[in-house]
Amino acid sequence: MTKQAEGVDERPARGRGRRPADEVRADVFRAVGEVLLTEGIAGLTFERVARLSGVSKTTLYKWWPSKGALALDGYFHAVEQTLAFEDTGDIRADLLHQLRAFVRIMTTTPAGRVVTELVGQSQTDEDLATAFRTLYSSERRRLAGERLARAREQGQIRADVDVQVLVDQLWGAVYHRLLIPDEPVTDDFVVSLVGNLFDGIART
């Protein structure tokens, strides 16, 4: 790709000597995040990430065996802070905040299309499916489960509730609308999800 993307600074690789692996990975994640959040997966190649990050393609292929694995890892790190769970002491408010941030990323940035594309591809690509579980979905599930477990310990949700089922009820519903777009993913939808969860649907 010869045309420089708007907002992405294409820098040639620089000789920096041997650096700590964490520092090298951080440079890669920054490069991948820039591309994904401005252009989506179509603009992501190993050659381009090597050029942007100053990390050799040999190193990239050693750590990430496929473009999908690289995209997933880079995406997770790019949105990690945005999707971090707050703990204000009010689990209902914290769930609303996190789900709104998740929906905003998934519906208003190219990164949302990246995830839905990779979910689809992972159905027929076993290596990508493994990478998706390892690098993305299992970590998102862990963070949500930990926050819900704290709420359970604090008595904000019932002691007998399976927090992993709650994760599926909330985020699974969002993914369903993203992947099968019969209905839009809106803020009203998010509010209803959380409201139905906490208020119930049975007549009182």
C-alpha atoms as a PDB file:
ATOM      1  CA  MET A   1       0.000   0.000   0.000  1.00  0.00           C
ATOM      2  CA  THR A   2       1.605   3.239  -1.125  1.00  0.00           C
ATOM      3  CA  LYS A   3      -1.072   5.718  -0.154  1.00  0.00           C
ATOM      4  CA  GLN A   4      -0.711   6.921   3.419  1.00  0.00           C
ATOM      5  CA  ALA A   5      -3.936   6.626   5.365  1.00  0.00           C
ATOM      6  CA  GLU A   6      -5.304   9.747   6.973  1.00  0.00           C
ATOM      7  CA  GLY A   7      -4.384   9.863  10.637  1.00  0.00           C
ATOM      8  CA  VAL A   8      -1.833   7.036  10.391  1.00  0.00           C
ATOM      9  CA  ASP A   9       1.815   8.016  10.445  1.00  0.00           C
ATOM     10  CA  GLU A  10       3.727   5.556   8.274  1.00  0.00           C
ATOM     11  CA  ARG A  11       7.248   5.530   9.659  1.00  0.00           C
ATOM     12  CA  PRO A  12      10.064   3.368   8.350  1.00  0.00           C
ATOM     13  CA  ALA A  13      11.477   0.734  10.651  1.00  0.00           C
ATOM     14  CA  ARG A  14      14.260   2.063  12.855  1.00  0.00           C
ATOM     15  CA  GLY A  15      17.260   0.231  14.125  1.00  0.00           C
ATOM     16  CA  ARG A  16      16.937   0.402  17.901  1.00  0.00           C
ATOM     17  CA  GLY A  17      19.033  -2.483  19.037  1.00  0.00           C
ATOM     18  CA  ARG A  18      17.678  -5.239  21.223  1.00  0.00           C
ATOM     19  CA  ARG A  19      14.765  -4.064  23.353  1.00  0.00           C
ATOM     20  CA  PRO A  20      12.589  -5.706  26.011  1.00  0.00           C
ATOM     21  CA  ALA A  21       9.804  -7.841  24.564  1.00  0.00           C
ATOM     22  CA  ASP A  22       7.108  -5.837  26.373  1.00  0.00           C
ATOM     23  CA  GLU A  23       8.327  -2.640  24.755  1.00  0.00           C
ATOM     24  CA  VAL A  24       8.385  -4.252  21.318  1.00  0.00           C
ATOM     25  CA  ARG A  25       4.862  -5.617  21.768  1.00  0.00           C
ATOM     26  CA  ALA A  26       3.636  -2.197  22.897  1.00  0.00           C
ATOM     27  CA  ASP A  27       4.933  -0.666  19.657  1.00  0.00           C
ATOM     28  CA  VAL A  28       3.154  -3.372  17.661  1.00  0.00           C
ATOM     29  CA  PHE A  29      -0.121  -2.883  19.541  1.00  0.00           C
ATOM     30  CA  ARG A  30       0.011   0.874  18.946  1.00  0.00           C
ATOM     31  CA  ALA A  31       0.557   0.335  15.223  1.00  0.00           C
ATOM     32  CA  VAL A  32      -2.181  -2.278  14.904  1.00  0.00           C
ATOM     33  CA  GLY A  33      -4.603  -0.167  16.926  1.00  0.00           C
ATOM     34  CA  GLU A  34      -4.006   2.875  14.730  1.00  0.00           C
ATOM     35  CA  VAL A  35      -4.792   0.933  11.587  1.00  0.00           C
ATOM     36  CA  LEU A  36      -7.813  -0.936  12.949  1.00  0.00           C
ATOM     37  CA  LEU A  37      -9.456   2.097  14.529  1.00  0.00           C
ATOM     38  CA  THR A  38      -9.053   4.236  11.400  1.00  0.00           C
ATOM     39  CA  GLU A  39      -9.421   1.773   8.527  1.00  0.00           C
ATOM     40  CA  GLY A  40     -10.459  -1.631   9.796  1.00  0.00           C
ATOM     41  CA  ILE A  41      -8.895  -4.971   8.973  1.00  0.00           C
ATOM     42  CA  ALA A  42      -8.631  -4.264   5.238  1.00  0.00           C
ATOM     43  CA  GLY A  43      -5.706  -1.946   5.859  1.00  0.00           C
ATOM     44  CA  LEU A  44      -3.831  -4.354   8.134  1.00  0.00           C
ATOM     45  CA  THR A  45      -0.859  -6.317   6.806  1.00  0.00           C
ATOM     46  CA  PHE A  46       2.271  -7.700   8.442  1.00  0.00           C
ATOM     47  CA  GLU A  47       4.361  -5.535   6.129  1.00  0.00           C
ATOM     48  CA  ARG A  48       2.535  -2.392   7.169  1.00  0.00           C
ATOM     49  CA  VAL A  49       2.678  -3.163  10.893  1.00  0.00           C
ATOM     50  CA  ALA A  50       6.413  -3.854  10.579  1.00  0.00           C
ATOM     51  CA  ARG A  51       6.883  -0.477   8.906  1.00  0.00           C
ATOM     52  CA  LEU A  52       4.769   1.434  11.418  1.00  0.00           C
ATOM     53  CA  SER A  53       6.189  -0.225  14.521  1.00  0.00           C
ATOM     54  CA  GLY A  54       9.806  -0.725  13.531  1.00  0.00           C
ATOM     55  CA  VAL A  55       9.478  -4.436  14.402  1.00  0.00           C
ATOM     56  CA  SER A  56      10.663  -7.053  11.930  1.00  0.00           C
ATOM     57  CA  LYS A  57       8.187  -9.272  10.108  1.00  0.00           C
ATOM     58  CA  THR A  58      10.111 -12.275  11.438  1.00  0.00           C
ATOM     59  CA  THR A  59       9.277 -11.220  14.993  1.00  0.00           C
ATOM     60  CA  LEU A  60       5.652 -10.517  14.089  1.00  0.00           C
ATOM     61  CA  TYR A  61       5.168 -13.951  12.545  1.00  0.00           C
ATOM     62  CA  LYS A  62       6.876 -15.552  15.532  1.00  0.00           C
ATOM     63  CA  TRP A  63       4.366 -14.040  17.970  1.00  0.00           C
ATOM     64  CA  TRP A  64       1.240 -13.931  15.788  1.00  0.00           C
ATOM     65  CA  PRO A  65       0.805 -16.807  13.303  1.00  0.00           C
ATOM     66  CA  SER A  66      -1.940 -15.091  11.305  1.00  0.00           C
ATOM     67  CA  LYS A  67      -3.369 -11.692  10.441  1.00  0.00           C
ATOM     68  CA  GLY A  68      -6.474 -12.575  12.438  1.00  0.00           C
ATOM     69  CA  ALA A  69      -4.489 -13.309  15.592  1.00  0.00           C
ATOM     70  CA  LEU A  70      -2.551 -10.057  15.191  1.00  0.00           C
ATOM     71  CA  ALA A  71      -5.775  -8.093  14.651  1.00  0.00           C
ATOM     72  CA  LEU A  72      -7.461  -9.620  17.690  1.00  0.00           C
ATOM     73  CA  ASP A  73      -4.553  -8.970  20.030  1.00  0.00           C
ATOM     74  CA  GLY A  74      -4.093  -5.443  18.732  1.00  0.00           C
ATOM     75  CA  TYR A  75      -7.804  -4.701  18.940  1.00  0.00           C
ATOM     76  CA  PHE A  76      -8.050  -5.899  22.531  1.00  0.00           C
ATOM     77  CA  HIS A  77      -5.166  -3.691  23.617  1.00  0.00           C
ATOM     78  CA  ALA A  78      -6.514  -0.721  21.658  1.00  0.00           C
ATOM     79  CA  VAL A  79      -9.880  -0.819  23.427  1.00  0.00           C
ATOM     80  CA  GLU A  80      -8.807  -2.272  26.773  1.00  0.00           C
ATOM     81  CA  GLN A  81      -8.982   1.018  28.682  1.00  0.00           C
ATOM     82  CA  THR A  82     -12.227   2.100  27.020  1.00  0.00           C
ATOM     83  CA  LEU A  83     -13.892  -1.198  27.878  1.00  0.00           C
ATOM     84  CA  ALA A  84     -12.467  -1.485  31.385  1.00  0.00           C
ATOM     85  CA  PHE A  85     -15.063  -2.033  34.082  1.00  0.00           C
ATOM     86  CA  GLU A  86     -15.594   0.766  36.519  1.00  0.00           C
ATOM     87  CA  ASP A  87     -16.416  -0.198  40.083  1.00  0.00           C
ATOM     88  CA  THR A  88     -18.480   2.640  41.515  1.00  0.00           C
ATOM     89  CA  GLY A  89     -20.238   0.329  43.933  1.00  0.00           C
ATOM     90  CA  ASP A  90     -23.369   0.340  41.757  1.00  0.00           C
ATOM     91  CA  ILE A  91     -23.341  -2.725  39.493  1.00  0.00           C
ATOM     92  CA  ARG A  92     -26.353  -1.583  37.465  1.00  0.00           C
ATOM     93  CA  ALA A  93     -24.719   1.754  36.638  1.00  0.00           C
ATOM     94  CA  ASP A  94     -21.389   0.077  35.895  1.00  0.00           C
ATOM     95  CA  LEU A  95     -22.977  -2.422  33.511  1.00  0.00           C
ATOM     96  CA  LEU A  96     -24.768   0.365  31.665  1.00  0.00           C
ATOM     97  CA  HIS A  97     -21.537   2.332  31.363  1.00  0.00           C
ATOM     98  CA  GLN A  98     -19.534  -0.618  30.071  1.00  0.00           C
ATOM     99  CA  LEU A  99     -22.178  -1.860  27.635  1.00  0.00           C
ATOM    100  CA  ARG A 100     -22.622   1.638  26.235  1.00  0.00           C
ATOM    101  CA  ALA A 101     -18.862   1.922  25.677  1.00  0.00           C
ATOM    102  CA  PHE A 102     -18.815  -1.498  24.017  1.00  0.00           C
ATOM    103  CA  VAL A 103     -21.733  -0.655  21.715  1.00  0.00           C
ATOM    104  CA  ARG A 104     -20.171   2.702  20.822  1.00  0.00           C
ATOM    105  CA  ILE A 105     -16.953   1.020  19.686  1.00  0.00           C
ATOM    106  CA  MET A 106     -18.773  -1.740  17.847  1.00  0.00           C
ATOM    107  CA  THR A 107     -21.153   0.559  15.973  1.00  0.00           C
ATOM    108  CA  THR A 108     -19.200   3.779  15.372  1.00  0.00           C
ATOM    109  CA  THR A 109     -15.618   2.661  14.621  1.00  0.00           C
ATOM    110  CA  PRO A 110     -14.050   0.380  11.988  1.00  0.00           C
ATOM    111  CA  ALA A 111     -12.941  -1.861  14.860  1.00  0.00           C
ATOM    112  CA  GLY A 112     -16.528  -3.036  15.284  1.00  0.00           C
ATOM    113  CA  ARG A 113     -16.557  -4.386  11.749  1.00  0.00           C
ATOM    114  CA  VAL A 114     -13.223  -6.060  12.448  1.00  0.00           C
ATOM    115  CA  VAL A 115     -14.665  -8.099  15.307  1.00  0.00           C
ATOM    116  CA  THR A 116     -17.810  -9.121  13.444  1.00  0.00           C
ATOM    117  CA  GLU A 117     -15.731 -10.162  10.426  1.00  0.00           C
ATOM    118  CA  LEU A 118     -13.415 -12.220  12.590  1.00  0.00           C
ATOM    119  CA  VAL A 119     -16.321 -13.863  14.420  1.00  0.00           C
ATOM    120  CA  GLY A 120     -17.701 -14.947  11.065  1.00  0.00           C
ATOM    121  CA  GLN A 121     -14.355 -16.178   9.758  1.00  0.00           C
ATOM    122  CA  SER A 122     -13.679 -18.107  12.955  1.00  0.00           C
ATOM    123  CA  GLN A 123     -16.633 -20.402  12.215  1.00  0.00           C
ATOM    124  CA  THR A 124     -14.633 -22.081   9.445  1.00  0.00           C
ATOM    125  CA  ASP A 125     -11.067 -21.351  10.593  1.00  0.00           C
ATOM    126  CA  GLU A 126     -10.099 -23.450  13.623  1.00  0.00           C
ATOM    127  CA  ASP A 127      -6.848 -21.559  14.233  1.00  0.00           C
ATOM    128  CA  LEU A 128      -8.670 -18.233  14.196  1.00  0.00           C
ATOM    129  CA  ALA A 129     -11.375 -19.619  16.478  1.00  0.00           C
ATOM    130  CA  THR A 130      -8.706 -20.643  18.982  1.00  0.00           C
ATOM    131  CA  ALA A 131      -7.042 -17.252  18.735  1.00  0.00           C
ATOM    132  CA  PHE A 132     -10.393 -15.501  19.208  1.00  0.00           C
ATOM    133  CA  ARG A 133     -11.082 -17.418  22.404  1.00  0.00           C
ATOM    134  CA  THR A 134      -7.545 -17.006  23.743  1.00  0.00           C
ATOM    135  CA  LEU A 135      -6.839 -13.400  22.798  1.00  0.00           C
ATOM    136  CA  TYR A 136     -10.245 -11.777  22.987  1.00  0.00           C
ATOM    137  CA  SER A 137     -13.459 -13.454  24.118  1.00  0.00           C
ATOM    138  CA  SER A 138     -12.082 -15.299  27.147  1.00  0.00           C
ATOM    139  CA  GLU A 139     -10.434 -12.117  28.441  1.00  0.00           C
ATOM    140  CA  ARG A 140     -13.592 -10.026  27.956  1.00  0.00           C
ATOM    141  CA  ARG A 141     -15.590 -12.764  29.706  1.00  0.00           C
ATOM    142  CA  ARG A 142     -13.095 -12.872  32.594  1.00  0.00           C
ATOM    143  CA  LEU A 143     -13.267  -9.111  33.194  1.00  0.00           C
ATOM    144  CA  ALA A 144     -17.065  -9.077  33.123  1.00  0.00           C
ATOM    145  CA  GLY A 145     -17.272 -12.143  35.344  1.00  0.00           C
ATOM    146  CA  GLU A 146     -14.930 -10.641  37.930  1.00  0.00           C
ATOM    147  CA  ARG A 147     -16.970  -7.436  38.170  1.00  0.00           C
ATOM    148  CA  LEU A 148     -20.234  -9.364  38.495  1.00  0.00           C
ATOM    149  CA  ALA A 149     -18.714 -11.703  41.082  1.00  0.00           C
ATOM    150  CA  ARG A 150     -17.745  -8.693  43.214  1.00  0.00           C
ATOM    151  CA  ALA A 151     -21.302  -7.424  42.958  1.00  0.00           C
ATOM    152  CA  ARG A 152     -22.549 -10.833  44.075  1.00  0.00           C
ATOM    153  CA  GLU A 153     -20.196 -10.801  47.069  1.00  0.00           C
ATOM    154  CA  GLN A 154     -21.495  -7.327  47.976  1.00  0.00           C
ATOM    155  CA  GLY A 155     -25.089  -8.551  47.896  1.00  0.00           C
ATOM    156  CA  GLN A 156     -26.092  -6.501  44.840  1.00  0.00           C
ATOM    157  CA  ILE A 157     -27.164  -9.626  42.967  1.00  0.00           C
ATOM    158  CA  ARG A 158     -28.401 -12.939  44.358  1.00  0.00           C
ATOM    159  CA  ALA A 159     -25.855 -15.377  45.744  1.00  0.00           C
ATOM    160  CA  ASP A 160     -27.130 -18.226  43.552  1.00  0.00           C
ATOM    161  CA  VAL A 161     -26.745 -16.338  40.247  1.00  0.00           C
ATOM    162  CA  ASP A 162     -24.280 -17.773  37.714  1.00  0.00           C
ATOM    163  CA  VAL A 163     -22.353 -14.692  36.609  1.00  0.00           C
ATOM    164  CA  GLN A 164     -21.201 -16.346  33.371  1.00  0.00           C
ATOM    165  CA  VAL A 165     -24.830 -16.756  32.330  1.00  0.00           C
ATOM    166  CA  LEU A 166     -25.315 -13.036  32.970  1.00  0.00           C
ATOM    167  CA  VAL A 167     -22.374 -12.317  30.670  1.00  0.00           C
ATOM    168  CA  ASP A 168     -24.065 -14.350  27.932  1.00  0.00           C
ATOM    169  CA  GLN A 169     -27.403 -12.659  28.487  1.00  0.00           C
ATOM    170  CA  LEU A 170     -25.983  -9.154  28.169  1.00  0.00           C
ATOM    171  CA  TRP A 171     -23.078  -9.280  25.718  1.00  0.00           C
ATOM    172  CA  GLY A 172     -24.486 -12.246  23.838  1.00  0.00           C
ATOM    173  CA  ALA A 173     -27.596 -10.230  23.024  1.00  0.00           C
ATOM    174  CA  VAL A 174     -25.461  -7.384  21.653  1.00  0.00           C
ATOM    175  CA  TYR A 175     -23.375  -9.746  19.518  1.00  0.00           C
ATOM    176  CA  HIS A 176     -26.563 -11.345  18.192  1.00  0.00           C
ATOM    177  CA  ARG A 177     -27.850  -8.007  16.895  1.00  0.00           C
ATOM    178  CA  LEU A 178     -24.453  -7.123  15.476  1.00  0.00           C
ATOM    179  CA  LEU A 179     -24.094 -10.396  13.596  1.00  0.00           C
ATOM    180  CA  ILE A 180     -27.756 -10.785  12.593  1.00  0.00           C
ATOM    181  CA  PRO A 181     -28.818  -7.167  12.098  1.00  0.00           C
ATOM    182  CA  ASP A 182     -32.591  -7.586  12.014  1.00  0.00           C
ATOM    183  CA  GLU A 183     -32.813  -4.945  14.734  1.00  0.00           C
ATOM    184  CA  PRO A 184     -30.448  -2.031  15.489  1.00  0.00           C
ATOM    185  CA  VAL A 185     -28.057  -1.879  18.419  1.00  0.00           C
ATOM    186  CA  THR A 186     -29.167   1.315  20.134  1.00  0.00           C
ATOM    187  CA  ASP A 187     -28.818   2.948  23.518  1.00  0.00           C
ATOM    188  CA  ASP A 188     -32.465   2.138  24.239  1.00  0.00           C
ATOM    189  CA  PHE A 189     -31.656  -1.510  23.558  1.00  0.00           C
ATOM    190  CA  VAL A 190     -28.799  -1.444  26.076  1.00  0.00           C
ATOM    191  CA  VAL A 191     -30.971   0.224  28.708  1.00  0.00           C
ATOM    192  CA  SER A 192     -33.688  -2.395  28.154  1.00  0.00           C
ATOM    193  CA  LEU A 193     -31.199  -5.248  28.462  1.00  0.00           C
ATOM    194  CA  VAL A 194     -29.975  -4.052  31.827  1.00  0.00           C
ATOM    195  CA  GLY A 195     -33.480  -3.088  32.966  1.00  0.00           C
ATOM    196  CA  ASN A 196     -34.960  -6.478  32.119  1.00  0.00           C
ATOM    197  CA  LEU A 197     -32.078  -8.165  33.916  1.00  0.00           C
ATOM    198  CA  PHE A 198     -32.507  -6.263  37.160  1.00  0.00           C
ATOM    199  CA  ASP A 199     -36.233  -5.589  37.152  1.00  0.00           C
ATOM    200  CA  GLY A 200     -37.364  -8.926  35.731  1.00  0.00           C
ATOM    201  CA  ILE A 201     -40.096  -9.546  33.188  1.00  0.00           C
ATOM    202  CA  ALA A 202     -42.707 -11.397  35.266  1.00  0.00           C
ATOM    203  CA  ARG A 203     -45.809  -9.506  36.368  1.00  0.00           C
ATOM    204  CA  THR A 204     -45.816  -8.580  40.025  1.00  0.00           C
END
